[in-house]
Amino acid sequence: MSVAILKQGDYLIASIQSDLSDTEVNALRHELAELVGVHRSRGIVIDVAALDVIDSFVTRALRAIVLTARLRGAHTVIAGISPDVAIAMVQFRLNLEPLRVALDLDEAVVALDRLTRGDHEDEG
């Protein structure tokens, strides 16, 4: 799988290096759910900057990762969606709830810090 998963403090950072097959996306979802428990992680950043396309399957998988992580006690932030990918996602009317996004890895970590401290408007 072309995803590097690093542990940084209380967070897991999954950096997707290239387009993933459906099988690899499902494997990532399962691996992150497992690692949240193993490391007692409070947050996950998924860096998608290398992706040229985020289709409906990947969007559903990202949503599933967010919901699974939430059930395991961790917040998730998606980082690095390129402008072209964002435009395509909106044009295809992909359901982006409850995804939280950030421009880059630095902003994602700041968002997780805020979420894990409780400085956020809602849990959704």
N, C-alpha and C. Protein backbone atom coordinates (compact mmCIF):
# COMPACT_ATOMS: atom_id res chain seq x y z
N MET A 1 0.86 -1.18 0.00
CA MET A 1 0.00 0.00 0.00
C MET A 1 0.90 1.23 0.00
N SER A 2 0.52 2.24 -0.76
CA SER A 2 1.34 3.44 -0.87
C SER A 2 0.84 4.53 0.08
N VAL A 3 0.74 4.15 1.36
CA VAL A 3 0.36 5.10 2.42
C VAL A 3 1.34 4.94 3.57
N ALA A 4 1.98 6.03 3.92
CA ALA A 4 2.87 6.02 5.08
C ALA A 4 2.05 6.49 6.28
N ILE A 5 2.05 5.69 7.35
CA ILE A 5 1.33 6.07 8.57
C ILE A 5 2.37 6.26 9.67
N LEU A 6 2.43 7.50 10.16
CA LEU A 6 3.39 7.86 11.19
C LEU A 6 2.65 8.23 12.46
N LYS A 7 3.29 7.98 13.59
CA LYS A 7 2.74 8.40 14.87
C LYS A 7 3.51 9.63 15.31
N GLN A 8 2.77 10.71 15.61
CA GLN A 8 3.38 11.94 16.10
C GLN A 8 2.61 12.36 17.35
N GLY A 9 3.17 12.10 18.50
CA GLY A 9 2.47 12.39 19.75
C GLY A 9 1.20 11.57 19.85
N ASP A 10 0.10 12.26 20.09
CA ASP A 10 -1.20 11.59 20.20
C ASP A 10 -1.89 11.39 18.86
N TYR A 11 -1.21 11.72 17.77
CA TYR A 11 -1.85 11.70 16.45
C TYR A 11 -1.21 10.66 15.53
N LEU A 12 -2.02 10.18 14.60
CA LEU A 12 -1.54 9.37 13.49
C LEU A 12 -1.61 10.24 12.25
N ILE A 13 -0.57 10.19 11.43
CA ILE A 13 -0.56 10.93 10.17
C ILE A 13 -0.41 9.94 9.04
N ALA A 14 -1.46 9.86 8.22
CA ALA A 14 -1.47 8.96 7.07
C ALA A 14 -1.28 9.80 5.82
N SER A 15 -0.15 9.61 5.17
CA SER A 15 0.17 10.37 3.96
C SER A 15 0.01 9.45 2.76
N ILE A 16 -1.02 9.73 1.98
CA ILE A 16 -1.28 8.93 0.78
C ILE A 16 -0.33 9.41 -0.31
N GLN A 17 0.48 8.48 -0.83
CA GLN A 17 1.54 8.83 -1.78
C GLN A 17 1.10 8.75 -3.24
N SER A 18 0.06 7.96 -3.53
CA SER A 18 -0.42 7.82 -4.90
C SER A 18 -1.85 7.31 -4.87
N ASP A 19 -2.49 7.30 -6.04
CA ASP A 19 -3.86 6.81 -6.11
C ASP A 19 -3.94 5.40 -5.55
N LEU A 20 -5.02 5.12 -4.83
CA LEU A 20 -5.20 3.82 -4.20
C LEU A 20 -6.31 3.04 -4.88
N SER A 21 -6.13 1.74 -4.95
CA SER A 21 -7.21 0.88 -5.44
C SER A 21 -8.28 0.80 -4.36
N ASP A 22 -9.45 0.30 -4.71
CA ASP A 22 -10.52 0.14 -3.73
C ASP A 22 -10.08 -0.75 -2.58
N THR A 23 -9.34 -1.80 -2.89
CA THR A 23 -8.84 -2.72 -1.86
C THR A 23 -7.88 -2.00 -0.92
N GLU A 24 -7.01 -1.16 -1.46
CA GLU A 24 -6.06 -0.41 -0.63
C GLU A 24 -6.77 0.62 0.24
N VAL A 25 -7.81 1.24 -0.28
CA VAL A 25 -8.58 2.20 0.51
C VAL A 25 -9.23 1.49 1.70
N ASN A 26 -9.81 0.33 1.46
CA ASN A 26 -10.42 -0.45 2.55
C ASN A 26 -9.37 -0.89 3.55
N ALA A 27 -8.19 -1.29 3.08
CA ALA A 27 -7.12 -1.70 3.98
C ALA A 27 -6.67 -0.52 4.85
N LEU A 28 -6.60 0.67 4.27
CA LEU A 28 -6.23 1.86 5.03
C LEU A 28 -7.26 2.12 6.13
N ARG A 29 -8.52 2.00 5.80
CA ARG A 29 -9.58 2.21 6.79
C ARG A 29 -9.42 1.26 7.97
N HIS A 30 -9.21 -0.01 7.67
CA HIS A 30 -9.05 -1.01 8.73
C HIS A 30 -7.77 -0.79 9.54
N GLU A 31 -6.69 -0.45 8.86
CA GLU A 31 -5.42 -0.24 9.56
C GLU A 31 -5.50 0.96 10.50
N LEU A 32 -6.11 2.06 10.04
CA LEU A 32 -6.23 3.23 10.90
C LEU A 32 -7.11 2.94 12.11
N ALA A 33 -8.20 2.21 11.92
CA ALA A 33 -9.07 1.85 13.05
C ALA A 33 -8.30 1.04 14.07
N GLU A 34 -7.48 0.12 13.60
CA GLU A 34 -6.67 -0.71 14.49
C GLU A 34 -5.62 0.13 15.22
N LEU A 35 -4.92 0.98 14.48
CA LEU A 35 -3.84 1.78 15.07
C LEU A 35 -4.33 2.80 16.09
N VAL A 36 -5.54 3.32 15.89
CA VAL A 36 -6.10 4.26 16.87
C VAL A 36 -6.17 3.58 18.24
N GLY A 37 -6.61 2.32 18.25
CA GLY A 37 -6.68 1.59 19.51
C GLY A 37 -5.33 1.20 20.05
N VAL A 38 -4.46 0.72 19.20
CA VAL A 38 -3.13 0.28 19.63
C VAL A 38 -2.35 1.43 20.26
N HIS A 39 -2.38 2.60 19.62
CA HIS A 39 -1.61 3.75 20.09
C HIS A 39 -2.42 4.71 20.96
N ARG A 40 -3.71 4.39 21.15
CA ARG A 40 -4.60 5.27 21.92
C ARG A 40 -4.55 6.70 21.37
N SER A 41 -4.59 6.78 20.05
CA SER A 41 -4.48 8.06 19.36
C SER A 41 -5.73 8.90 19.57
N ARG A 42 -5.52 10.20 19.67
CA ARG A 42 -6.63 11.13 19.85
C ARG A 42 -7.02 11.81 18.55
N GLY A 43 -6.19 11.64 17.51
CA GLY A 43 -6.50 12.28 16.24
C GLY A 43 -5.78 11.62 15.08
N ILE A 44 -6.35 11.82 13.90
CA ILE A 44 -5.77 11.31 12.65
C ILE A 44 -5.75 12.44 11.64
N VAL A 45 -4.64 12.58 10.94
CA VAL A 45 -4.57 13.45 9.77
C VAL A 45 -4.40 12.54 8.57
N ILE A 46 -5.23 12.74 7.56
CA ILE A 46 -5.07 12.01 6.31
C ILE A 46 -4.69 13.04 5.25
N ASP A 47 -3.45 12.93 4.77
CA ASP A 47 -2.91 13.86 3.78
C ASP A 47 -3.18 13.31 2.39
N VAL A 48 -4.03 14.00 1.63
CA VAL A 48 -4.42 13.54 0.30
C VAL A 48 -3.82 14.42 -0.81
N ALA A 49 -2.80 15.19 -0.49
CA ALA A 49 -2.23 16.14 -1.44
C ALA A 49 -1.74 15.47 -2.73
N ALA A 50 -1.33 14.21 -2.65
CA ALA A 50 -0.81 13.52 -3.83
C ALA A 50 -1.91 12.99 -4.75
N LEU A 51 -3.16 13.05 -4.31
CA LEU A 51 -4.25 12.50 -5.12
C LEU A 51 -4.70 13.50 -6.18
N ASP A 52 -4.81 12.99 -7.42
CA ASP A 52 -5.32 13.81 -8.52
C ASP A 52 -6.84 13.76 -8.60
N VAL A 53 -7.41 12.71 -8.01
CA VAL A 53 -8.86 12.50 -8.07
C VAL A 53 -9.31 11.93 -6.74
N ILE A 54 -10.42 12.44 -6.24
CA ILE A 54 -11.09 11.82 -5.10
C ILE A 54 -12.50 11.53 -5.57
N ASP A 55 -12.75 10.27 -5.90
CA ASP A 55 -14.05 9.88 -6.45
C ASP A 55 -15.03 9.55 -5.32
N SER A 56 -16.23 9.12 -5.71
CA SER A 56 -17.27 8.86 -4.71
C SER A 56 -16.88 7.71 -3.78
N PHE A 57 -16.18 6.70 -4.29
CA PHE A 57 -15.76 5.59 -3.42
C PHE A 57 -14.77 6.06 -2.38
N VAL A 58 -13.78 6.84 -2.79
CA VAL A 58 -12.78 7.34 -1.84
C VAL A 58 -13.44 8.29 -0.84
N THR A 59 -14.38 9.11 -1.31
CA THR A 59 -15.10 10.00 -0.40
C THR A 59 -15.87 9.20 0.65
N ARG A 60 -16.57 8.16 0.22
CA ARG A 60 -17.29 7.30 1.18
C ARG A 60 -16.32 6.63 2.14
N ALA A 61 -15.16 6.21 1.65
CA ALA A 61 -14.16 5.58 2.52
C ALA A 61 -13.61 6.58 3.53
N LEU A 62 -13.36 7.81 3.10
CA LEU A 62 -12.89 8.85 4.04
C LEU A 62 -13.95 9.11 5.11
N ARG A 63 -15.21 9.17 4.69
CA ARG A 63 -16.30 9.35 5.67
C ARG A 63 -16.33 8.18 6.65
N ALA A 64 -16.14 6.97 6.15
CA ALA A 64 -16.14 5.78 7.02
C ALA A 64 -14.97 5.84 8.00
N ILE A 65 -13.81 6.30 7.54
CA ILE A 65 -12.65 6.44 8.44
C ILE A 65 -12.97 7.44 9.54
N VAL A 66 -13.56 8.58 9.17
CA VAL A 66 -13.91 9.61 10.15
C VAL A 66 -14.88 9.05 11.19
N LEU A 67 -15.92 8.38 10.74
CA LEU A 67 -16.92 7.84 11.67
C LEU A 67 -16.35 6.73 12.53
N THR A 68 -15.55 5.85 11.95
CA THR A 68 -14.92 4.77 12.72
C THR A 68 -13.98 5.34 13.76
N ALA A 69 -13.16 6.30 13.37
CA ALA A 69 -12.23 6.93 14.31
C ALA A 69 -12.99 7.60 15.45
N ARG A 70 -14.09 8.25 15.12
CA ARG A 70 -14.89 8.92 16.14
C ARG A 70 -15.40 7.90 17.16
N LEU A 71 -15.85 6.74 16.67
CA LEU A 71 -16.32 5.69 17.58
C LEU A 71 -15.19 5.13 18.43
N ARG A 72 -13.95 5.27 17.95
CA ARG A 72 -12.78 4.80 18.70
C ARG A 72 -12.18 5.93 19.54
N GLY A 73 -12.80 7.12 19.52
CA GLY A 73 -12.36 8.21 20.37
C GLY A 73 -11.37 9.17 19.75
N ALA A 74 -11.26 9.17 18.43
CA ALA A 74 -10.29 10.04 17.76
C ALA A 74 -10.99 10.95 16.75
N HIS A 75 -10.47 12.17 16.61
CA HIS A 75 -10.93 13.11 15.60
C HIS A 75 -10.09 12.90 14.34
N THR A 76 -10.65 13.29 13.19
CA THR A 76 -9.93 13.15 11.92
C THR A 76 -10.02 14.44 11.13
N VAL A 77 -8.89 14.82 10.51
CA VAL A 77 -8.85 15.98 9.62
C VAL A 77 -8.20 15.52 8.31
N ILE A 78 -8.83 15.89 7.21
CA ILE A 78 -8.30 15.60 5.88
C ILE A 78 -7.50 16.82 5.43
N ALA A 79 -6.27 16.62 4.98
CA ALA A 79 -5.41 17.74 4.59
C ALA A 79 -4.98 17.63 3.14
N GLY A 80 -4.82 18.78 2.51
CA GLY A 80 -4.16 18.84 1.21
C GLY A 80 -5.02 18.61 -0.01
N ILE A 81 -6.33 18.82 0.07
CA ILE A 81 -7.15 18.66 -1.13
C ILE A 81 -6.79 19.79 -2.09
N SER A 82 -6.39 19.42 -3.28
CA SER A 82 -5.97 20.43 -4.26
C SER A 82 -7.19 21.19 -4.80
N PRO A 83 -6.97 22.39 -5.34
CA PRO A 83 -8.10 23.16 -5.87
C PRO A 83 -8.89 22.40 -6.94
N ASP A 84 -8.20 21.73 -7.87
CA ASP A 84 -8.89 21.00 -8.93
C ASP A 84 -9.73 19.86 -8.37
N VAL A 85 -9.19 19.16 -7.39
CA VAL A 85 -9.92 18.06 -6.77
C VAL A 85 -11.13 18.60 -6.02
N ALA A 86 -10.97 19.71 -5.31
CA ALA A 86 -12.08 20.32 -4.57
C ALA A 86 -13.20 20.73 -5.52
N ILE A 87 -12.84 21.35 -6.63
CA ILE A 87 -13.85 21.76 -7.62
C ILE A 87 -14.60 20.54 -8.16
N ALA A 88 -13.87 19.49 -8.49
CA ALA A 88 -14.51 18.27 -9.01
C ALA A 88 -15.43 17.65 -7.98
N MET A 89 -15.01 17.63 -6.72
CA MET A 89 -15.84 17.04 -5.66
C MET A 89 -17.15 17.81 -5.52
N VAL A 90 -17.08 19.12 -5.62
CA VAL A 90 -18.30 19.93 -5.52
C VAL A 90 -19.17 19.72 -6.75
N GLN A 91 -18.57 19.69 -7.94
CA GLN A 91 -19.35 19.49 -9.16
C GLN A 91 -20.07 18.15 -9.17
N PHE A 92 -19.43 17.13 -8.59
CA PHE A 92 -20.06 15.81 -8.53
C PHE A 92 -20.98 15.66 -7.33
N ARG A 93 -21.10 16.75 -6.57
CA ARG A 93 -22.00 16.80 -5.41
C ARG A 93 -21.76 15.64 -4.44
N LEU A 94 -20.48 15.40 -4.16
CA LEU A 94 -20.14 14.34 -3.22
C LEU A 94 -20.50 14.78 -1.81
N ASN A 95 -21.03 13.86 -1.03
CA ASN A 95 -21.42 14.15 0.35
C ASN A 95 -20.16 14.21 1.20
N LEU A 96 -19.82 15.39 1.67
CA LEU A 96 -18.57 15.60 2.40
C LEU A 96 -18.77 15.63 3.91
N GLU A 97 -20.00 15.48 4.37
CA GLU A 97 -20.24 15.45 5.82
C GLU A 97 -19.79 14.11 6.36
N PRO A 98 -19.15 13.99 7.42
CA PRO A 98 -18.72 14.97 8.41
C PRO A 98 -17.23 15.29 8.30
N LEU A 99 -16.72 15.35 7.06
CA LEU A 99 -15.28 15.58 6.89
C LEU A 99 -14.87 16.96 7.39
N ARG A 100 -13.76 17.00 8.11
CA ARG A 100 -13.12 18.26 8.49
C ARG A 100 -11.87 18.35 7.63
N VAL A 101 -11.63 19.53 7.08
CA VAL A 101 -10.51 19.67 6.16
C VAL A 101 -9.59 20.81 6.57
N ALA A 102 -8.36 20.72 6.10
CA ALA A 102 -7.36 21.76 6.32
C ALA A 102 -6.54 21.89 5.04
N LEU A 103 -5.96 23.06 4.85
CA LEU A 103 -5.17 23.28 3.64
C LEU A 103 -3.94 22.39 3.57
N ASP A 104 -3.27 22.21 4.72
CA ASP A 104 -2.03 21.44 4.72
C ASP A 104 -1.85 20.73 6.05
N LEU A 105 -0.76 20.02 6.17
CA LEU A 105 -0.48 19.24 7.38
C LEU A 105 -0.39 20.11 8.62
N ASP A 106 0.27 21.26 8.52
CA ASP A 106 0.41 22.15 9.68
C ASP A 106 -0.96 22.60 10.19
N GLU A 107 -1.83 23.03 9.28
CA GLU A 107 -3.17 23.46 9.68
C GLU A 107 -3.98 22.29 10.25
N ALA A 108 -3.78 21.11 9.71
CA ALA A 108 -4.50 19.93 10.20
C ALA A 108 -4.12 19.63 11.65
N VAL A 109 -2.84 19.73 11.96
CA VAL A 109 -2.39 19.48 13.34
C VAL A 109 -2.96 20.54 14.28
N VAL A 110 -2.98 21.79 13.85
CA VAL A 110 -3.56 22.85 14.67
C VAL A 110 -5.05 22.57 14.90
N ALA A 111 -5.75 22.14 13.86
CA ALA A 111 -7.18 21.81 13.99
C ALA A 111 -7.38 20.66 14.97
N LEU A 112 -6.53 19.63 14.89
CA LEU A 112 -6.64 18.52 15.83
C LEU A 112 -6.36 18.97 17.26
N ASP A 113 -5.37 19.83 17.42
CA ASP A 113 -5.08 20.37 18.76
C ASP A 113 -6.32 21.05 19.33
N ARG A 114 -6.97 21.84 18.50
CA ARG A 114 -8.18 22.55 18.92
C ARG A 114 -9.31 21.56 19.25
N LEU A 115 -9.49 20.56 18.40
CA LEU A 115 -10.55 19.57 18.60
C LEU A 115 -10.32 18.73 19.85
N THR A 116 -9.10 18.33 20.07
CA THR A 116 -8.82 17.46 21.22
C THR A 116 -8.81 18.23 22.53
N ARG A 117 -8.63 19.54 22.47
CA ARG A 117 -8.74 20.38 23.67
C ARG A 117 -10.19 20.71 23.98
N GLY A 118 -11.06 20.54 22.99
CA GLY A 118 -12.46 20.86 23.19
C GLY A 118 -12.85 22.24 22.72
N ASP A 119 -11.96 22.92 21.98
CA ASP A 119 -12.26 24.27 21.47
C ASP A 119 -12.92 24.18 20.10
N HIS A 120 -14.05 23.53 20.02
CA HIS A 120 -14.75 23.41 18.76
C HIS A 120 -16.24 23.59 19.00
N GLU A 121 -16.95 23.86 17.93
CA GLU A 121 -18.37 24.19 18.04
C GLU A 121 -19.25 22.97 18.24
N ASP A 122 -18.86 21.85 17.64
CA ASP A 122 -19.69 20.66 17.75
C ASP A 122 -18.85 19.42 17.58
N GLU A 123 -19.43 18.27 17.84
CA GLU A 123 -18.75 17.00 17.69
C GLU A 123 -18.90 16.46 16.28
N GLY A 124 -19.74 17.03 15.47
CA GLY A 124 -20.06 16.50 14.15
C GLY A 124 -19.10 16.95 13.17
